[in-house]
Amino acid sequence: MFRQLLPITALLTSTFLMLTAGGLAGILLPLRAGMEGWSPTTVGWLGTGYALAFTGGCIVVPRLVRRVGHVRVFAVLLTLLSMSMLLHGLIIDPWAWTLFRALAGFSLAGSYMVIESWLNERVTNATRGMVFSIYMIVSMIGLLVGQYILPFGNPATQALFMIGALIYAAALVPTGLSNAQSPRPLTEVSLDLPGLYRKSPAAMIGSLIAGIIAGAWNFLSAIYGREIGLSTFDIATMIASAMIGGAIFQYPIGRISDFVDRRYVMVVAGMVGVLLSVTMIIVQPVTPWVIYSLMFAFGTVLFPIYSLNVAHANDFAEPSEFVKVSSGLLIVYGIGSMIGPQIAGRLMDVTGPAGFFMTMAGCYAAYGSYAFWRSLRRARQVPSERPDFVYRAPDRPQTPETLQLNPAISTAKDD
């Protein structure tokens, strides 16, 4: 295995460093915004700007790569990421931060696509599954490490911003010195929303709602933790607990959905999400270990639902359509991610921290209810004729290149 991983060590190292800086930024920026007295709605605009630019990056970056090549684009994007972190520390203004966060979203999308394209070029069908699994593990560990850098610094100073910028800059070194050849052109996104809806209404609407949930979680969970009085370490652990819950339960939930109607699994996930959200609203826990436990349970339905949507859509798609359908759902998910921070932020402005889980409860109720209604409208696909569930790492942004690297989709596409 070591011999097989050696050629991609530089790429995996760049991935780890980039996700470490991204994990730090994801928790540092909302907390610093809260310390500045910015409202949850204002913080929500940071999330909307990020999601809008990330989705745009998936569409624009392939064209840039065709013009100037992978290496130059990757170098520019990581430079922009480093600049974004420094600018956040230099200029403390909500609208400026929205612009800087959008710059980071665009650059991260492009950076993921370049790395994943390189990885895809270096693997064979025999090693694709192993490489994809290791890539997802490295990504998750990077995010967790980045979150736990926060307790070692003070969000009120510029030090953590500079550390994040340095880590982004360091991510360029392994790949920049690698002798890996530039891969094929990046995958371009084609979007046909009417066709996607006709293919699988439950998957399309479900992806939109999953994006709303993820957008609210990614940008306002730290604000929720701060408003209920958690320390920076407790907030990092709260978010990590949900990620670990998602990582552990994503595969079992996916396997169950391979043998039953996936829409029934969506219904159960929606019910669990509503139950846990209402519990958080009523109980209002403040003891860290109680919060960690509930967040672990919450993560079990927070992260797998998007993967369920993709798997359900592919149940009704031809193998040659898997990448196209999954790419379309990715864009719909990104649109939802733009909406989520706005809904949760406004509710938190009105009702306090409870507004965060009011948003979650409403979204999960809509998610489960729509899946149940669709199960009454169309018969399920025969399990033996469906592709297997596709794993998605918790809290790991996806791009069309991730779909090309994933062995489940790639194998189906090649058959």
Protein backbone atom coordinates (compact mmCIF):
# COMPACT_ATOMS: atom_id res chain seq x y z
CA MET A 1 0.00 0.00 0.00
CA PHE A 2 2.87 2.37 0.81
CA ARG A 3 4.21 2.01 -2.71
CA GLN A 4 0.80 2.88 -4.14
CA LEU A 5 0.42 5.94 -1.90
CA LEU A 6 3.92 7.31 -2.43
CA PRO A 7 3.14 9.03 -5.78
CA ILE A 8 0.20 10.92 -4.23
CA THR A 9 1.77 11.79 -0.88
CA ALA A 10 2.36 15.39 -1.96
CA LEU A 11 -1.26 15.78 -3.05
CA LEU A 12 -2.59 14.31 0.20
CA THR A 13 -0.27 16.55 2.22
CA SER A 14 -1.57 19.63 0.39
CA THR A 15 -5.11 18.43 1.05
CA PHE A 16 -4.43 18.01 4.75
CA LEU A 17 -2.90 21.47 5.12
CA MET A 18 -5.63 23.14 3.09
CA LEU A 19 -8.40 21.47 5.11
CA THR A 20 -6.60 22.33 8.36
CA ALA A 21 -6.63 26.01 7.46
CA GLY A 22 -10.21 25.68 6.25
CA GLY A 23 -11.28 24.05 9.51
CA LEU A 24 -9.68 26.86 11.49
CA ALA A 25 -11.33 29.54 9.34
CA GLY A 26 -14.73 27.86 9.55
CA ILE A 27 -14.87 28.19 13.34
CA LEU A 28 -12.69 31.29 13.86
CA LEU A 29 -14.59 33.67 11.61
CA PRO A 30 -18.09 33.19 13.10
CA LEU A 31 -16.70 33.45 16.62
CA ARG A 32 -14.76 36.62 15.89
CA ALA A 33 -17.84 38.06 14.17
CA GLY A 34 -19.87 37.32 17.31
CA MET A 35 -17.21 38.97 19.48
CA GLU A 36 -17.53 42.08 17.30
CA GLY A 37 -21.23 42.20 18.14
CA TRP A 38 -22.44 41.30 14.66
CA SER A 39 -25.90 39.78 14.57
CA PRO A 40 -26.51 36.18 13.45
CA THR A 41 -28.12 37.58 10.29
CA THR A 42 -24.91 39.45 9.51
CA VAL A 43 -22.88 36.30 10.12
CA GLY A 44 -25.34 34.51 7.84
CA TRP A 45 -24.31 36.79 5.00
CA LEU A 46 -20.75 35.47 5.36
CA GLY A 47 -22.10 31.97 4.80
CA THR A 48 -24.22 33.05 1.85
CA GLY A 49 -21.26 34.75 0.19
CA TYR A 50 -19.08 31.70 0.73
CA ALA A 51 -21.66 29.24 -0.64
CA LEU A 52 -22.44 31.43 -3.66
CA ALA A 53 -18.77 31.75 -4.58
CA PHE A 54 -18.00 28.07 -3.92
CA THR A 55 -20.79 27.04 -6.27
CA GLY A 56 -19.59 29.57 -8.83
CA GLY A 57 -16.05 28.26 -8.52
CA CYS A 58 -17.20 24.78 -9.56
CA ILE A 59 -18.46 26.34 -12.80
CA VAL A 60 -15.73 28.92 -13.55
CA VAL A 61 -12.47 27.24 -12.46
CA PRO A 62 -12.52 24.50 -15.17
CA ARG A 63 -12.46 27.27 -17.78
CA LEU A 64 -9.49 28.95 -16.07
CA VAL A 65 -7.57 25.68 -15.95
CA ARG A 66 -8.08 25.18 -19.68
CA ARG A 67 -6.52 28.60 -20.32
CA VAL A 68 -3.43 28.56 -18.08
CA GLY A 69 -3.06 25.05 -16.64
CA HIS A 70 -3.46 23.28 -13.31
CA VAL A 71 -0.24 24.37 -11.62
CA ARG A 72 -0.69 28.09 -12.20
CA VAL A 73 -4.36 28.07 -11.22
CA PHE A 74 -3.63 26.08 -8.05
CA ALA A 75 -0.85 28.49 -7.06
CA VAL A 76 -3.11 31.50 -7.61
CA LEU A 77 -6.02 29.98 -5.69
CA LEU A 78 -3.95 29.12 -2.62
CA THR A 79 -2.44 32.60 -2.72
CA LEU A 80 -5.96 34.04 -2.72
CA LEU A 81 -6.90 31.81 0.22
CA SER A 82 -3.92 33.06 2.20
CA MET A 83 -4.77 36.67 1.28
CA SER A 84 -8.37 36.13 2.36
CA MET A 85 -7.32 35.04 5.86
CA LEU A 86 -4.97 38.01 6.23
CA LEU A 87 -7.61 40.45 5.01
CA HIS A 88 -10.08 39.12 7.58
CA GLY A 89 -7.59 40.00 10.29
CA LEU A 90 -6.76 43.42 8.87
CA ILE A 91 -10.21 44.78 8.01
CA ILE A 92 -12.95 44.16 10.56
CA ASP A 93 -16.10 45.01 8.65
CA PRO A 94 -19.07 42.74 7.91
CA TRP A 95 -19.44 43.62 4.24
CA ALA A 96 -15.71 43.35 3.65
CA TRP A 97 -15.74 39.97 5.38
CA THR A 98 -18.57 38.81 3.13
CA LEU A 99 -16.39 39.67 0.13
CA PHE A 100 -13.33 37.99 1.66
CA ARG A 101 -15.34 34.89 2.51
CA ALA A 102 -16.64 34.75 -1.04
CA LEU A 103 -13.05 34.94 -2.27
CA ALA A 104 -12.22 31.97 -0.04
CA GLY A 105 -15.23 29.97 -1.24
CA PHE A 106 -14.30 30.45 -4.89
CA SER A 107 -10.66 29.58 -4.24
CA LEU A 108 -11.43 26.51 -2.14
CA ALA A 109 -13.74 25.09 -4.81
CA GLY A 110 -11.04 25.48 -7.42
CA SER A 111 -8.32 24.07 -5.17
CA TYR A 112 -10.38 20.98 -4.39
CA MET A 113 -11.03 20.43 -8.07
CA VAL A 114 -7.36 20.69 -9.03
CA ILE A 115 -6.21 18.30 -6.27
CA GLU A 116 -8.97 15.80 -7.01
CA SER A 117 -8.24 15.93 -10.73
CA TRP A 118 -4.57 15.18 -10.00
CA LEU A 119 -5.52 12.29 -7.71
CA ASN A 120 -7.90 10.90 -10.31
CA GLU A 121 -5.11 10.91 -12.87
CA ARG A 122 -2.75 8.98 -10.59
CA VAL A 123 -5.07 6.14 -9.57
CA THR A 124 -6.18 2.99 -11.36
CA ASN A 125 -9.49 1.17 -11.03
CA ALA A 126 -7.75 -1.26 -8.68
CA THR A 127 -6.55 1.49 -6.32
CA ARG A 128 -9.37 4.01 -6.70
CA GLY A 129 -11.37 2.81 -3.71
CA MET A 130 -8.37 2.84 -1.39
CA VAL A 131 -7.22 6.28 -2.54
CA PHE A 132 -10.71 7.77 -2.28
CA SER A 133 -11.13 6.42 1.27
CA ILE A 134 -7.75 7.77 2.37
CA TYR A 135 -8.52 11.11 0.74
CA MET A 136 -11.78 11.37 2.68
CA ILE A 137 -10.04 10.39 5.94
CA VAL A 138 -7.26 12.94 5.39
CA SER A 139 -9.89 15.60 4.67
CA MET A 140 -11.83 14.89 7.85
CA ILE A 141 -8.70 14.79 10.03
CA GLY A 142 -7.56 18.09 8.53
CA LEU A 143 -10.88 19.73 9.41
CA LEU A 144 -10.75 18.40 12.97
CA VAL A 145 -7.15 19.50 13.50
CA GLY A 146 -7.97 22.98 12.19
CA GLN A 147 -10.87 23.36 14.61
CA TYR A 148 -8.69 22.45 17.57
CA ILE A 149 -6.09 25.10 16.71
CA LEU A 150 -8.65 27.68 17.89
CA PRO A 151 -8.37 27.00 21.66
CA PHE A 152 -4.61 27.66 21.49
CA GLY A 153 -5.10 31.26 20.40
CA ASN A 154 -7.28 34.28 21.04
CA PRO A 155 -9.90 34.99 18.35
CA ALA A 156 -9.80 38.66 19.32
CA THR A 157 -6.22 39.05 18.02
CA GLN A 158 -4.69 38.70 14.56
CA ALA A 159 -2.50 35.72 15.45
CA LEU A 160 -4.96 32.98 14.43
CA PHE A 161 -5.65 34.73 11.13
CA MET A 162 -1.93 34.80 10.37
CA ILE A 163 -1.59 31.13 11.34
CA GLY A 164 -4.41 30.23 8.96
CA ALA A 165 -2.78 32.22 6.15
CA LEU A 166 0.56 30.49 6.77
CA ILE A 167 -1.06 27.05 6.63
CA TYR A 168 -2.78 27.90 3.35
CA ALA A 169 0.55 29.05 1.94
CA ALA A 170 2.24 25.87 3.18
CA ALA A 171 -0.35 23.79 1.30
CA LEU A 172 1.16 25.02 -1.97
CA VAL A 173 4.64 23.68 -1.21
CA PRO A 174 4.10 19.87 -1.51
CA THR A 175 2.14 20.07 -4.75
CA GLY A 176 4.28 22.87 -6.15
CA LEU A 177 7.41 20.71 -5.76
CA SER A 178 5.73 17.52 -6.98
CA ASN A 179 6.76 16.06 -10.33
CA ALA A 180 3.21 14.86 -11.01
CA GLN A 181 2.12 15.63 -14.54
CA SER A 182 -0.83 17.92 -15.13
CA PRO A 183 -4.01 15.84 -15.47
CA ARG A 184 -6.82 15.96 -17.97
CA PRO A 185 -9.17 19.00 -18.11
CA LEU A 186 -11.50 19.48 -15.16
CA THR A 187 -15.08 18.28 -15.18
CA GLU A 188 -17.54 20.98 -16.21
CA VAL A 189 -20.95 21.25 -14.59
CA SER A 190 -24.07 21.01 -16.73
CA LEU A 191 -27.27 22.11 -15.04
CA ASP A 192 -30.74 21.05 -16.20
CA LEU A 193 -33.05 21.73 -13.26
CA PRO A 194 -36.33 20.72 -15.00
CA GLY A 195 -34.74 17.49 -16.19
CA LEU A 196 -33.25 16.85 -12.77
CA TYR A 197 -36.63 17.34 -11.13
CA ARG A 198 -38.30 14.97 -13.58
CA LYS A 199 -35.59 12.41 -12.93
CA SER A 200 -36.06 12.48 -9.16
CA PRO A 201 -38.16 15.13 -7.41
CA ALA A 202 -37.36 13.73 -3.95
CA ALA A 203 -33.62 13.92 -4.58
CA MET A 204 -33.69 17.45 -5.98
CA ILE A 205 -35.90 18.96 -3.26
CA GLY A 206 -34.06 16.88 -0.67
CA SER A 207 -30.71 18.24 -1.85
CA LEU A 208 -32.02 21.79 -1.62
CA ILE A 209 -33.19 21.21 1.98
CA ALA A 210 -29.96 19.39 2.85
CA GLY A 211 -28.06 22.43 1.59
CA ILE A 212 -30.17 24.75 3.76
CA ILE A 213 -29.39 22.59 6.79
CA ALA A 214 -25.68 22.41 5.99
CA GLY A 215 -25.41 26.15 5.31
CA ALA A 216 -27.01 26.98 8.65
CA TRP A 217 -24.84 24.44 10.49
CA ASN A 218 -21.53 25.41 8.90
CA PHE A 219 -21.83 29.12 9.61
CA LEU A 220 -24.03 29.46 12.68
CA SER A 221 -23.34 26.41 14.86
CA ALA A 222 -20.34 28.21 16.35
CA ILE A 223 -22.53 31.26 17.05
CA TYR A 224 -25.06 28.98 18.73
CA GLY A 225 -22.32 27.56 20.94
CA ARG A 226 -21.09 31.01 21.85
CA GLU A 227 -24.57 32.27 22.70
CA ILE A 228 -25.21 29.40 25.11
CA GLY A 229 -21.93 30.14 26.88
CA LEU A 230 -19.54 27.44 25.61
CA SER A 231 -15.79 28.01 25.56
CA THR A 232 -13.80 27.87 22.32
CA PHE A 233 -12.66 24.34 23.18
CA ASP A 234 -16.24 23.28 23.91
CA ILE A 235 -17.45 24.76 20.62
CA ALA A 236 -14.74 22.93 18.67
CA THR A 237 -15.66 19.68 20.45
CA MET A 238 -19.37 20.23 19.85
CA ILE A 239 -18.80 20.56 16.10
CA ALA A 240 -16.34 17.66 16.07
CA SER A 241 -18.87 15.45 17.88
CA ALA A 242 -21.39 15.97 15.09
CA MET A 243 -18.75 15.21 12.45
CA ILE A 244 -17.77 11.98 14.21
CA GLY A 245 -21.41 10.94 14.50
CA GLY A 246 -21.85 11.53 10.78
CA ALA A 247 -18.68 9.60 9.92
CA ILE A 248 -19.70 6.58 12.00
CA PHE A 249 -23.32 6.36 10.86
CA GLN A 250 -23.03 7.43 7.23
CA TYR A 251 -22.07 3.97 5.97
CA PRO A 252 -24.67 1.98 8.01
CA ILE A 253 -27.44 4.36 6.96
CA GLY A 254 -26.31 4.09 3.36
CA ARG A 255 -26.23 0.31 3.44
CA ILE A 256 -29.72 0.16 4.92
CA SER A 257 -30.92 2.38 2.09
CA ASP A 258 -29.46 -0.09 -0.44
CA PHE A 259 -32.01 -2.70 0.66
CA VAL A 260 -35.14 -0.61 1.28
CA ASP A 261 -36.80 2.36 -0.36
CA ARG A 262 -34.33 5.19 0.22
CA ARG A 263 -37.23 7.58 0.70
CA TYR A 264 -38.25 5.66 3.83
CA VAL A 265 -34.74 6.17 5.18
CA MET A 266 -35.10 9.89 4.37
CA VAL A 267 -38.38 9.94 6.31
CA VAL A 268 -36.74 8.35 9.35
CA ALA A 269 -33.80 10.75 9.11
CA GLY A 270 -36.24 13.66 9.02
CA MET A 271 -38.08 12.36 12.08
CA VAL A 272 -34.83 11.90 14.02
CA GLY A 273 -33.70 15.39 13.01
CA VAL A 274 -36.97 16.92 14.21
CA LEU A 275 -36.86 14.97 17.48
CA LEU A 276 -33.30 16.01 18.29
CA SER A 277 -33.90 19.63 17.26
CA VAL A 278 -37.01 19.89 19.45
CA THR A 279 -35.08 18.29 22.30
CA MET A 280 -32.39 20.96 22.01
CA ILE A 281 -35.06 23.69 22.01
CA ILE A 282 -36.96 22.35 25.04
CA VAL A 283 -34.10 21.05 27.19
CA GLN A 284 -31.69 23.90 26.35
CA PRO A 285 -28.65 21.94 27.61
CA VAL A 286 -25.65 23.87 28.89
CA THR A 287 -23.53 21.01 30.28
CA PRO A 288 -20.80 20.37 27.70
CA TRP A 289 -20.94 16.56 27.81
CA VAL A 290 -24.71 16.57 27.35
CA ILE A 291 -24.29 18.87 24.37
CA TYR A 292 -21.53 16.68 22.90
CA SER A 293 -23.74 13.59 23.18
CA LEU A 294 -26.74 15.27 21.58
CA MET A 295 -24.58 16.71 18.81
CA PHE A 296 -23.08 13.30 18.14
CA ALA A 297 -26.61 11.98 17.68
CA PHE A 298 -27.53 15.01 15.57
CA GLY A 299 -24.56 14.38 13.28
CA THR A 300 -25.92 10.95 12.40
CA VAL A 301 -28.64 12.61 10.30
CA LEU A 302 -26.91 15.92 9.60
CA PHE A 303 -24.34 14.65 7.12
CA PRO A 304 -25.77 11.46 5.49
CA ILE A 305 -28.91 13.06 4.06
CA TYR A 306 -27.19 14.62 1.05
CA SER A 307 -25.62 11.29 0.13
CA LEU A 308 -29.07 9.69 0.35
CA ASN A 309 -30.35 12.23 -2.16
CA VAL A 310 -27.56 11.48 -4.62
CA ALA A 311 -28.03 7.73 -4.27
CA HIS A 312 -31.80 8.03 -4.77
CA ALA A 313 -31.38 10.18 -7.89
CA ASN A 314 -28.91 7.71 -9.37
CA ASP A 315 -31.41 4.91 -8.78
CA PHE A 316 -33.44 6.38 -11.66
CA ALA A 317 -30.51 7.43 -13.85
CA GLU A 318 -28.59 5.55 -16.49
CA PRO A 319 -24.96 4.76 -15.58
CA SER A 320 -23.77 7.29 -18.15
CA GLU A 321 -25.83 9.98 -16.39
CA PHE A 322 -24.46 9.48 -12.86
CA VAL A 323 -21.88 12.27 -12.97
CA LYS A 324 -24.27 14.67 -14.69
CA VAL A 325 -27.06 14.01 -12.17
CA SER A 326 -24.73 14.19 -9.17
CA SER A 327 -23.17 17.42 -10.45
CA GLY A 328 -26.63 18.94 -10.85
CA LEU A 329 -27.58 17.97 -7.30
CA LEU A 330 -24.32 19.50 -6.10
CA ILE A 331 -25.34 22.86 -7.54
CA VAL A 332 -28.83 22.57 -6.00
CA TYR A 333 -27.18 21.75 -2.68
CA GLY A 334 -25.01 24.85 -3.08
CA ILE A 335 -28.09 26.99 -3.68
CA GLY A 336 -29.56 25.66 -0.44
CA SER A 337 -26.31 26.46 1.36
CA MET A 338 -26.78 30.11 0.36
CA ILE A 339 -30.29 30.17 1.85
CA GLY A 340 -29.63 28.35 5.13
CA PRO A 341 -27.51 30.99 6.89
CA GLN A 342 -30.11 33.66 6.09
CA ILE A 343 -33.03 31.71 7.56
CA ALA A 344 -31.19 30.61 10.70
CA GLY A 345 -29.57 34.00 11.23
CA ARG A 346 -32.86 35.86 11.12
CA LEU A 347 -34.56 33.38 13.45
CA MET A 348 -31.68 33.64 15.91
CA ASP A 349 -31.96 37.43 15.83
CA VAL A 350 -35.61 37.15 16.86
CA THR A 351 -35.62 34.18 19.23
CA GLY A 352 -32.03 33.82 20.40
CA PRO A 353 -30.02 30.58 20.15
CA ALA A 354 -33.23 28.52 20.00
CA GLY A 355 -33.75 29.93 16.50
CA PHE A 356 -30.88 27.78 15.27
CA PHE A 357 -32.66 24.53 16.08
CA MET A 358 -36.03 25.95 15.05
CA THR A 359 -34.50 26.22 11.58
CA MET A 360 -33.22 22.66 11.80
CA ALA A 361 -36.57 21.30 13.01
CA GLY A 362 -38.47 22.99 10.20
CA CYS A 363 -36.03 21.79 7.54
CA TYR A 364 -36.00 18.20 8.77
CA ALA A 365 -39.79 18.18 8.94
CA ALA A 366 -39.95 19.38 5.33
CA TYR A 367 -37.28 16.88 4.27
CA GLY A 368 -39.03 13.85 5.76
CA SER A 369 -42.53 14.95 4.78
CA TYR A 370 -41.65 15.51 1.14
CA ALA A 371 -39.84 12.18 0.92
CA PHE A 372 -42.89 10.43 2.38
CA TRP A 373 -45.23 12.18 -0.06
CA ARG A 374 -43.02 11.20 -3.00
CA SER A 375 -42.99 7.58 -1.83
CA LEU A 376 -46.75 7.59 -2.39
CA ARG A 377 -46.41 9.01 -5.88
CA ARG A 378 -43.88 6.66 -7.48
CA ALA A 379 -42.89 3.07 -6.83
CA ARG A 380 -39.40 2.40 -5.60
CA GLN A 381 -36.69 1.01 -7.84
CA VAL A 382 -35.97 -2.71 -7.46
CA PRO A 383 -32.94 -2.97 -5.10
CA SER A 384 -31.07 -5.37 -7.38
CA GLU A 385 -31.21 -2.80 -10.19
CA ARG A 386 -29.91 0.13 -8.15
CA PRO A 387 -26.33 1.37 -7.70
CA ASP A 388 -24.86 1.22 -4.22
CA PHE A 389 -24.92 4.12 -1.78
CA VAL A 390 -22.06 6.58 -2.36
CA TYR A 391 -20.09 7.69 0.69
CA ARG A 392 -19.58 11.37 1.38
CA ALA A 393 -17.23 12.58 4.10
CA PRO A 394 -18.92 14.64 6.85
CA ASP A 395 -18.59 18.40 6.40
CA ARG A 396 -16.38 17.95 3.35
CA PRO A 397 -17.32 20.28 0.47
CA GLN A 398 -17.79 18.36 -2.77
CA THR A 399 -16.97 19.33 -6.32
CA PRO A 400 -17.62 17.61 -9.66
CA GLU A 401 -14.07 16.23 -9.48
CA THR A 402 -14.96 14.42 -6.25
CA LEU A 403 -17.61 12.59 -8.25
CA GLN A 404 -15.02 11.55 -10.84
CA LEU A 405 -12.69 10.27 -8.10
CA ASN A 406 -15.36 8.36 -6.19
CA PRO A 407 -15.04 4.67 -7.14
CA ALA A 408 -18.78 3.96 -6.91
CA ILE A 409 -19.68 6.56 -9.51
CA SER A 410 -16.59 6.00 -11.64
CA THR A 411 -17.16 2.27 -11.84
CA ALA A 412 -20.81 2.69 -12.75
CA LYS A 413 -19.86 5.26 -15.34
CA ASP A 414 -17.33 2.93 -16.95
CA ASP A 415 -19.63 -0.12 -17.09
